[in-house]
N, C-alpha and C. Protein backbone atom coordinates (compact mmCIF):
# COMPACT_ATOMS: atom_id res chain seq x y z
N MET A 1 27.44 -7.05 -13.37
CA MET A 1 27.73 -5.86 -12.64
C MET A 1 29.08 -5.95 -11.94
N ILE A 2 29.49 -7.15 -11.58
CA ILE A 2 30.78 -7.33 -10.92
C ILE A 2 31.91 -6.85 -11.83
N ASP A 3 31.81 -7.14 -13.12
CA ASP A 3 32.84 -6.69 -14.06
C ASP A 3 32.93 -5.17 -14.09
N LYS A 4 31.78 -4.51 -14.05
CA LYS A 4 31.76 -3.05 -14.04
C LYS A 4 32.37 -2.50 -12.76
N MET A 5 32.12 -3.16 -11.65
CA MET A 5 32.67 -2.71 -10.38
C MET A 5 34.19 -2.88 -10.37
N ILE A 6 34.68 -3.97 -10.91
CA ILE A 6 36.13 -4.18 -11.00
C ILE A 6 36.75 -3.13 -11.90
N ALA A 7 36.11 -2.85 -13.03
CA ALA A 7 36.61 -1.82 -13.94
C ALA A 7 36.60 -0.45 -13.26
N TYR A 8 35.56 -0.17 -12.47
CA TYR A 8 35.49 1.10 -11.73
C TYR A 8 36.65 1.20 -10.75
N GLU A 9 36.87 0.15 -9.99
CA GLU A 9 37.94 0.17 -8.99
C GLU A 9 39.33 0.24 -9.63
N SER A 10 39.43 -0.20 -10.89
CA SER A 10 40.69 -0.13 -11.62
C SER A 10 40.85 1.18 -12.37
N GLY A 11 39.82 2.04 -12.31
CA GLY A 11 39.88 3.32 -13.00
C GLY A 11 39.69 3.23 -14.49
N GLU A 12 39.01 2.17 -14.94
CA GLU A 12 38.86 1.92 -16.37
C GLU A 12 37.54 2.42 -16.96
N LEU A 13 36.63 2.95 -16.14
CA LEU A 13 35.35 3.41 -16.64
C LEU A 13 35.40 4.88 -17.02
N THR A 14 34.64 5.23 -18.05
CA THR A 14 34.48 6.64 -18.38
C THR A 14 33.56 7.28 -17.33
N ASP A 15 33.47 8.59 -17.35
CA ASP A 15 32.57 9.27 -16.42
C ASP A 15 31.13 8.79 -16.61
N THR A 16 30.72 8.65 -17.86
CA THR A 16 29.36 8.20 -18.15
C THR A 16 29.13 6.78 -17.64
N GLU A 17 30.09 5.89 -17.86
CA GLU A 17 29.97 4.52 -17.38
C GLU A 17 29.91 4.47 -15.86
N THR A 18 30.67 5.34 -15.20
CA THR A 18 30.65 5.41 -13.74
C THR A 18 29.29 5.85 -13.24
N LEU A 19 28.72 6.87 -13.87
CA LEU A 19 27.38 7.32 -13.49
C LEU A 19 26.35 6.22 -13.71
N GLU A 20 26.45 5.52 -14.81
CA GLU A 20 25.51 4.42 -15.09
C GLU A 20 25.65 3.32 -14.05
N LEU A 21 26.88 3.00 -13.66
CA LEU A 21 27.10 1.99 -12.63
C LEU A 21 26.47 2.42 -11.31
N PHE A 22 26.75 3.64 -10.88
CA PHE A 22 26.21 4.09 -9.60
C PHE A 22 24.70 4.27 -9.65
N SER A 23 24.18 4.61 -10.80
CA SER A 23 22.73 4.68 -10.96
C SER A 23 22.12 3.31 -10.68
N GLU A 24 22.73 2.28 -11.24
CA GLU A 24 22.23 0.92 -11.02
C GLU A 24 22.42 0.48 -9.56
N LEU A 25 23.56 0.82 -8.98
CA LEU A 25 23.82 0.45 -7.59
C LEU A 25 22.82 1.13 -6.65
N ILE A 26 22.48 2.37 -6.93
CA ILE A 26 21.50 3.08 -6.10
C ILE A 26 20.11 2.49 -6.30
N ARG A 27 19.72 2.26 -7.56
CA ARG A 27 18.39 1.70 -7.86
C ARG A 27 18.17 0.36 -7.17
N THR A 28 19.21 -0.47 -7.15
CA THR A 28 19.08 -1.81 -6.57
C THR A 28 19.32 -1.82 -5.06
N GLY A 29 19.81 -0.71 -4.52
CA GLY A 29 20.12 -0.66 -3.10
C GLY A 29 21.49 -1.19 -2.75
N MET A 30 22.22 -1.68 -3.73
CA MET A 30 23.53 -2.26 -3.46
C MET A 30 24.55 -1.22 -3.00
N ALA A 31 24.36 0.03 -3.41
CA ALA A 31 25.32 1.08 -3.02
C ALA A 31 25.45 1.18 -1.52
N TRP A 32 24.37 0.85 -0.82
CA TRP A 32 24.35 0.99 0.64
C TRP A 32 24.79 -0.30 1.35
N LYS A 33 24.96 -1.38 0.60
CA LYS A 33 25.34 -2.66 1.20
C LYS A 33 26.81 -3.00 0.96
N LEU A 34 27.43 -2.32 0.02
CA LEU A 34 28.83 -2.58 -0.30
C LEU A 34 29.73 -1.80 0.65
N GLN A 35 31.04 -1.93 0.46
CA GLN A 35 31.98 -1.20 1.32
C GLN A 35 31.66 0.29 1.31
N GLY A 36 32.07 0.97 2.35
CA GLY A 36 31.70 2.36 2.59
C GLY A 36 31.98 3.33 1.46
N SER A 37 33.03 3.10 0.70
CA SER A 37 33.36 4.05 -0.36
C SER A 37 32.28 4.11 -1.43
N TYR A 38 31.58 3.00 -1.65
CA TYR A 38 30.50 3.02 -2.64
C TYR A 38 29.34 3.89 -2.15
N GLY A 39 28.98 3.75 -0.91
CA GLY A 39 27.90 4.56 -0.35
C GLY A 39 28.27 6.03 -0.32
N ARG A 40 29.51 6.32 0.04
CA ARG A 40 29.96 7.72 0.07
C ARG A 40 29.96 8.33 -1.34
N THR A 41 30.42 7.55 -2.31
CA THR A 41 30.42 8.05 -3.70
C THR A 41 28.99 8.23 -4.19
N ALA A 42 28.12 7.29 -3.88
CA ALA A 42 26.72 7.41 -4.28
C ALA A 42 26.10 8.66 -3.68
N ASN A 43 26.33 8.89 -2.40
CA ASN A 43 25.81 10.09 -1.75
C ASN A 43 26.36 11.36 -2.39
N ARG A 44 27.63 11.35 -2.73
CA ARG A 44 28.25 12.53 -3.37
C ARG A 44 27.61 12.80 -4.73
N LEU A 45 27.38 11.76 -5.52
CA LEU A 45 26.76 11.94 -6.84
C LEU A 45 25.33 12.45 -6.71
N ILE A 46 24.63 12.00 -5.68
CA ILE A 46 23.28 12.49 -5.41
C ILE A 46 23.35 13.96 -4.98
N ASP A 47 24.27 14.28 -4.08
CA ASP A 47 24.42 15.66 -3.61
C ASP A 47 24.77 16.61 -4.75
N LEU A 48 25.55 16.13 -5.71
CA LEU A 48 25.94 16.95 -6.86
C LEU A 48 24.81 17.08 -7.88
N GLY A 49 23.76 16.30 -7.70
CA GLY A 49 22.63 16.35 -8.62
C GLY A 49 22.84 15.56 -9.90
N LEU A 50 23.86 14.70 -9.92
CA LEU A 50 24.12 13.90 -11.11
C LEU A 50 23.24 12.66 -11.18
N ILE A 51 22.83 12.18 -10.01
CA ILE A 51 21.94 11.03 -9.91
C ILE A 51 20.88 11.35 -8.86
N GLY A 52 19.64 11.00 -9.15
CA GLY A 52 18.57 11.23 -8.18
C GLY A 52 18.59 10.19 -7.08
N LYS A 53 17.86 10.45 -6.01
CA LYS A 53 17.84 9.54 -4.86
C LYS A 53 17.30 8.16 -5.22
N GLY A 54 16.51 8.08 -6.28
CA GLY A 54 16.00 6.79 -6.73
C GLY A 54 16.87 6.12 -7.77
N GLY A 55 18.00 6.76 -8.10
CA GLY A 55 18.93 6.18 -9.06
C GLY A 55 18.78 6.72 -10.47
N GLU A 56 17.84 7.65 -10.69
CA GLU A 56 17.67 8.19 -12.03
C GLU A 56 18.83 9.12 -12.38
N LEU A 57 19.31 9.00 -13.61
CA LEU A 57 20.41 9.84 -14.07
C LEU A 57 19.90 11.23 -14.39
N SER A 58 20.69 12.24 -14.08
CA SER A 58 20.34 13.62 -14.40
C SER A 58 20.57 13.86 -15.88
N LEU A 59 19.56 14.33 -16.56
CA LEU A 59 19.70 14.62 -17.98
C LEU A 59 20.65 15.79 -18.22
N SER A 60 20.80 16.68 -17.25
CA SER A 60 21.67 17.84 -17.43
C SER A 60 23.12 17.42 -17.65
N TYR A 61 23.54 16.29 -17.06
CA TYR A 61 24.90 15.82 -17.27
C TYR A 61 25.13 15.49 -18.73
N PHE A 62 24.15 14.88 -19.37
CA PHE A 62 24.29 14.42 -20.74
C PHE A 62 24.08 15.54 -21.76
N GLU A 63 23.63 16.70 -21.31
CA GLU A 63 23.41 17.82 -22.22
C GLU A 63 24.68 18.62 -22.46
N HIS A 64 25.75 18.35 -21.73
CA HIS A 64 27.01 19.09 -21.90
C HIS A 64 27.75 18.67 -23.12
């Protein structure tokens, strides 16, 4: 997961890869333990309905 986080911070992940990363971070609770930007981004993705509060990915994103 560290490699994915480094790639995210370097802007190297696709939108789908970013959602998958944050889905995992939310599921494991790590989104809330890392630096503030991760928690803020996780909350934003939840607010947008792209990821559920339990970390589940929204199927509507993948239907586009």
